[in-house]
Amino acid sequence: MLLYEQDTRALRIYGAKTKRLLKDIHCVGVILAVEYCQNMNSIAVSLSDRTIIFFDTATIMNQKNKIDRRLHVP
């Protein structure tokens, strides 16, 4: 389960069954929106600095948080 709060820079990952916090992912900008992209097997995070980051869901629980793609919207 993924959660984020308004005006924060952290994406919080909780265990679906246990409801316990598993990990925080810190972003460089304030998070505006988060979406799971099933066909790409990634999580898209839109930031206040007009950047969209795609995290690989297969490696998101690792320490490095592999970024598949980073887009900057002009």
N, C-alpha and C. Protein backbone atom coordinates (compact mmCIF):
# COMPACT_ATOMS: atom_id res chain seq x y z
N MET A 1 0.85 -1.15 0.00
CA MET A 1 0.00 0.00 0.00
C MET A 1 0.91 1.23 0.00
N LEU A 2 0.63 2.19 -0.89
CA LEU A 2 1.41 3.42 -1.00
C LEU A 2 0.59 4.60 -0.52
N LEU A 3 1.20 5.47 0.27
CA LEU A 3 0.53 6.67 0.75
C LEU A 3 1.47 7.86 0.66
N TYR A 4 0.88 9.02 0.45
CA TYR A 4 1.63 10.26 0.56
C TYR A 4 0.69 11.32 1.10
N GLU A 5 1.23 12.30 1.80
CA GLU A 5 0.43 13.37 2.36
C GLU A 5 0.65 14.64 1.57
N GLN A 6 -0.32 15.51 1.60
CA GLN A 6 -0.23 16.78 0.91
C GLN A 6 0.97 17.58 1.42
N ASP A 7 1.69 18.20 0.49
CA ASP A 7 2.86 19.06 0.80
C ASP A 7 4.01 18.30 1.45
N THR A 8 4.20 17.03 1.11
CA THR A 8 5.33 16.27 1.62
C THR A 8 6.20 15.78 0.48
N ARG A 9 7.39 15.35 0.81
CA ARG A 9 8.34 14.84 -0.18
C ARG A 9 8.59 13.35 -0.01
N ALA A 10 7.78 12.68 0.81
CA ALA A 10 8.01 11.26 1.08
C ALA A 10 6.82 10.42 0.63
N LEU A 11 7.15 9.34 -0.05
CA LEU A 11 6.18 8.32 -0.43
C LEU A 11 6.35 7.20 0.58
N ARG A 12 5.27 6.82 1.26
CA ARG A 12 5.36 5.82 2.32
C ARG A 12 4.77 4.50 1.84
N ILE A 13 5.51 3.42 2.09
CA ILE A 13 5.09 2.08 1.69
C ILE A 13 4.74 1.29 2.95
N TYR A 14 3.51 0.77 2.97
CA TYR A 14 3.01 -0.02 4.09
C TYR A 14 2.71 -1.44 3.62
N GLY A 15 2.85 -2.40 4.51
CA GLY A 15 2.45 -3.77 4.23
C GLY A 15 0.93 -3.84 4.18
N ALA A 16 0.38 -4.44 3.14
CA ALA A 16 -1.07 -4.49 2.98
C ALA A 16 -1.75 -5.29 4.09
N LYS A 17 -1.15 -6.38 4.49
CA LYS A 17 -1.76 -7.23 5.52
C LYS A 17 -1.51 -6.70 6.93
N THR A 18 -0.29 -6.24 7.19
CA THR A 18 0.08 -5.84 8.55
C THR A 18 -0.19 -4.36 8.84
N LYS A 19 -0.33 -3.55 7.80
CA LYS A 19 -0.53 -2.09 7.93
C LYS A 19 0.65 -1.41 8.62
N ARG A 20 1.83 -2.05 8.56
CA ARG A 20 3.03 -1.48 9.17
C ARG A 20 3.86 -0.76 8.12
N LEU A 21 4.52 0.31 8.55
CA LEU A 21 5.39 1.06 7.65
C LEU A 21 6.60 0.21 7.29
N LEU A 22 6.82 0.03 5.99
CA LEU A 22 7.97 -0.76 5.53
C LEU A 22 9.12 0.13 5.07
N LYS A 23 8.78 1.25 4.44
CA LYS A 23 9.83 2.08 3.85
C LYS A 23 9.30 3.44 3.46
N ASP A 24 10.17 4.45 3.52
CA ASP A 24 9.90 5.78 2.98
C ASP A 24 10.80 6.01 1.78
N ILE A 25 10.25 6.59 0.73
CA ILE A 25 11.05 7.00 -0.43
C ILE A 25 10.99 8.51 -0.46
N HIS A 26 12.14 9.16 -0.34
CA HIS A 26 12.20 10.62 -0.32
C HIS A 26 12.48 11.15 -1.72
N CYS A 27 11.70 12.16 -2.12
CA CYS A 27 11.82 12.77 -3.44
C CYS A 27 12.39 14.18 -3.31
N VAL A 28 12.93 14.71 -4.41
CA VAL A 28 13.55 16.03 -4.38
C VAL A 28 12.53 17.15 -4.36
N GLY A 29 11.32 16.90 -4.82
CA GLY A 29 10.26 17.91 -4.83
C GLY A 29 9.04 17.42 -4.07
N VAL A 30 8.08 18.31 -3.88
CA VAL A 30 6.83 17.95 -3.22
C VAL A 30 6.02 17.05 -4.15
N ILE A 31 5.47 15.98 -3.62
CA ILE A 31 4.70 15.02 -4.41
C ILE A 31 3.32 15.58 -4.69
N LEU A 32 2.95 15.60 -5.97
CA LEU A 32 1.62 16.06 -6.37
C LEU A 32 0.66 14.90 -6.62
N ALA A 33 1.18 13.81 -7.21
CA ALA A 33 0.32 12.67 -7.53
C ALA A 33 1.17 11.41 -7.65
N VAL A 34 0.54 10.26 -7.41
CA VAL A 34 1.19 8.95 -7.52
C VAL A 34 0.24 8.03 -8.26
N GLU A 35 0.78 7.25 -9.20
CA GLU A 35 -0.05 6.30 -9.94
C GLU A 35 0.74 5.04 -10.25
N TYR A 36 0.07 3.91 -10.15
CA TYR A 36 0.68 2.63 -10.52
C TYR A 36 0.42 2.38 -12.00
N CYS A 37 1.47 2.11 -12.75
CA CYS A 37 1.37 1.82 -14.19
C CYS A 37 1.59 0.33 -14.39
N GLN A 38 0.50 -0.41 -14.49
CA GLN A 38 0.58 -1.86 -14.54
C GLN A 38 1.33 -2.36 -15.77
N ASN A 39 1.10 -1.74 -16.93
CA ASN A 39 1.75 -2.22 -18.15
C ASN A 39 3.26 -1.97 -18.15
N MET A 40 3.74 -1.02 -17.37
CA MET A 40 5.17 -0.73 -17.27
C MET A 40 5.79 -1.32 -16.01
N ASN A 41 4.95 -1.89 -15.12
CA ASN A 41 5.40 -2.43 -13.85
C ASN A 41 6.19 -1.38 -13.06
N SER A 42 5.61 -0.16 -12.98
CA SER A 42 6.28 0.91 -12.28
C SER A 42 5.28 1.82 -11.57
N ILE A 43 5.82 2.68 -10.72
CA ILE A 43 5.03 3.67 -10.00
C ILE A 43 5.48 5.04 -10.49
N ALA A 44 4.53 5.82 -11.00
CA ALA A 44 4.83 7.17 -11.49
C ALA A 44 4.55 8.16 -10.38
N VAL A 45 5.53 9.05 -10.13
CA VAL A 45 5.40 10.07 -9.10
C VAL A 45 5.60 11.42 -9.75
N SER A 46 4.58 12.28 -9.69
CA SER A 46 4.65 13.62 -10.24
C SER A 46 5.07 14.58 -9.12
N LEU A 47 6.09 15.40 -9.41
CA LEU A 47 6.65 16.30 -8.39
C LEU A 47 6.39 17.77 -8.73
N SER A 48 6.48 18.62 -7.72
CA SER A 48 6.21 20.04 -7.88
C SER A 48 7.22 20.76 -8.77
N ASP A 49 8.40 20.18 -8.97
CA ASP A 49 9.39 20.80 -9.85
C ASP A 49 9.20 20.40 -11.31
N ARG A 50 8.00 19.87 -11.64
CA ARG A 50 7.59 19.47 -12.99
C ARG A 50 8.37 18.26 -13.49
N THR A 51 8.73 17.40 -12.58
CA THR A 51 9.42 16.15 -12.90
C THR A 51 8.47 14.99 -12.64
N ILE A 52 8.53 13.98 -13.50
CA ILE A 52 7.81 12.74 -13.28
C ILE A 52 8.85 11.64 -13.19
N ILE A 53 8.83 10.90 -12.09
CA ILE A 53 9.78 9.83 -11.86
C ILE A 53 9.03 8.50 -11.88
N PHE A 54 9.59 7.52 -12.59
CA PHE A 54 9.02 6.18 -12.65
C PHE A 54 9.93 5.23 -11.88
N PHE A 55 9.41 4.68 -10.77
CA PHE A 55 10.15 3.71 -9.96
C PHE A 55 9.79 2.30 -10.39
N ASP A 56 10.78 1.44 -10.52
CA ASP A 56 10.57 0.03 -10.85
C ASP A 56 10.00 -0.68 -9.64
N THR A 57 8.81 -1.28 -9.78
CA THR A 57 8.16 -1.92 -8.63
C THR A 57 8.86 -3.20 -8.20
N ALA A 58 9.61 -3.83 -9.10
CA ALA A 58 10.32 -5.06 -8.74
C ALA A 58 11.46 -4.78 -7.77
N THR A 59 12.01 -3.57 -7.81
CA THR A 59 13.16 -3.24 -6.95
C THR A 59 12.85 -2.17 -5.91
N ILE A 60 11.61 -1.77 -5.79
CA ILE A 60 11.28 -0.65 -4.91
C ILE A 60 11.55 -0.94 -3.42
N MET A 61 11.53 -2.20 -3.04
CA MET A 61 11.80 -2.53 -1.64
C MET A 61 13.30 -2.65 -1.35
N ASN A 62 14.13 -2.59 -2.38
CA ASN A 62 15.58 -2.57 -2.17
C ASN A 62 15.99 -1.19 -1.68
N GLN A 63 17.17 -1.06 -1.22
CA GLN A 63 17.67 0.21 -0.70
C GLN A 63 17.81 1.28 -1.79
N LYS A 64 18.09 0.88 -3.02
CA LYS A 64 18.45 1.86 -4.04
C LYS A 64 17.28 2.50 -4.77
N ASN A 65 16.06 1.93 -4.71
CA ASN A 65 14.89 2.48 -5.39
C ASN A 65 15.19 2.78 -6.85
N LYS A 66 15.33 1.76 -7.66
CA LYS A 66 15.69 1.91 -9.06
C LYS A 66 14.69 2.79 -9.80
N ILE A 67 15.20 3.82 -10.45
CA ILE A 67 14.38 4.72 -11.25
C ILE A 67 14.47 4.26 -12.70
N ASP A 68 13.30 3.91 -13.28
CA ASP A 68 13.26 3.48 -14.68
C ASP A 68 13.43 4.65 -15.63
N ARG A 69 12.77 5.74 -15.30
CA ARG A 69 12.78 6.90 -16.19
C ARG A 69 12.49 8.15 -15.39
N ARG A 70 13.08 9.24 -15.83
CA ARG A 70 12.83 10.55 -15.22
C ARG A 70 12.52 11.52 -16.36
N LEU A 71 11.35 12.14 -16.29
CA LEU A 71 10.94 13.10 -17.31
C LEU A 71 10.79 14.48 -16.69
N HIS A 72 11.22 15.50 -17.44
CA HIS A 72 10.99 16.86 -17.00
C HIS A 72 10.00 17.50 -17.98
N VAL A 73 8.87 17.96 -17.47
CA VAL A 73 7.83 18.57 -18.30
C VAL A 73 8.12 20.06 -18.41
N PRO A 74 8.33 20.56 -19.63
CA PRO A 74 8.63 21.99 -19.78
C PRO A 74 7.46 22.90 -19.41
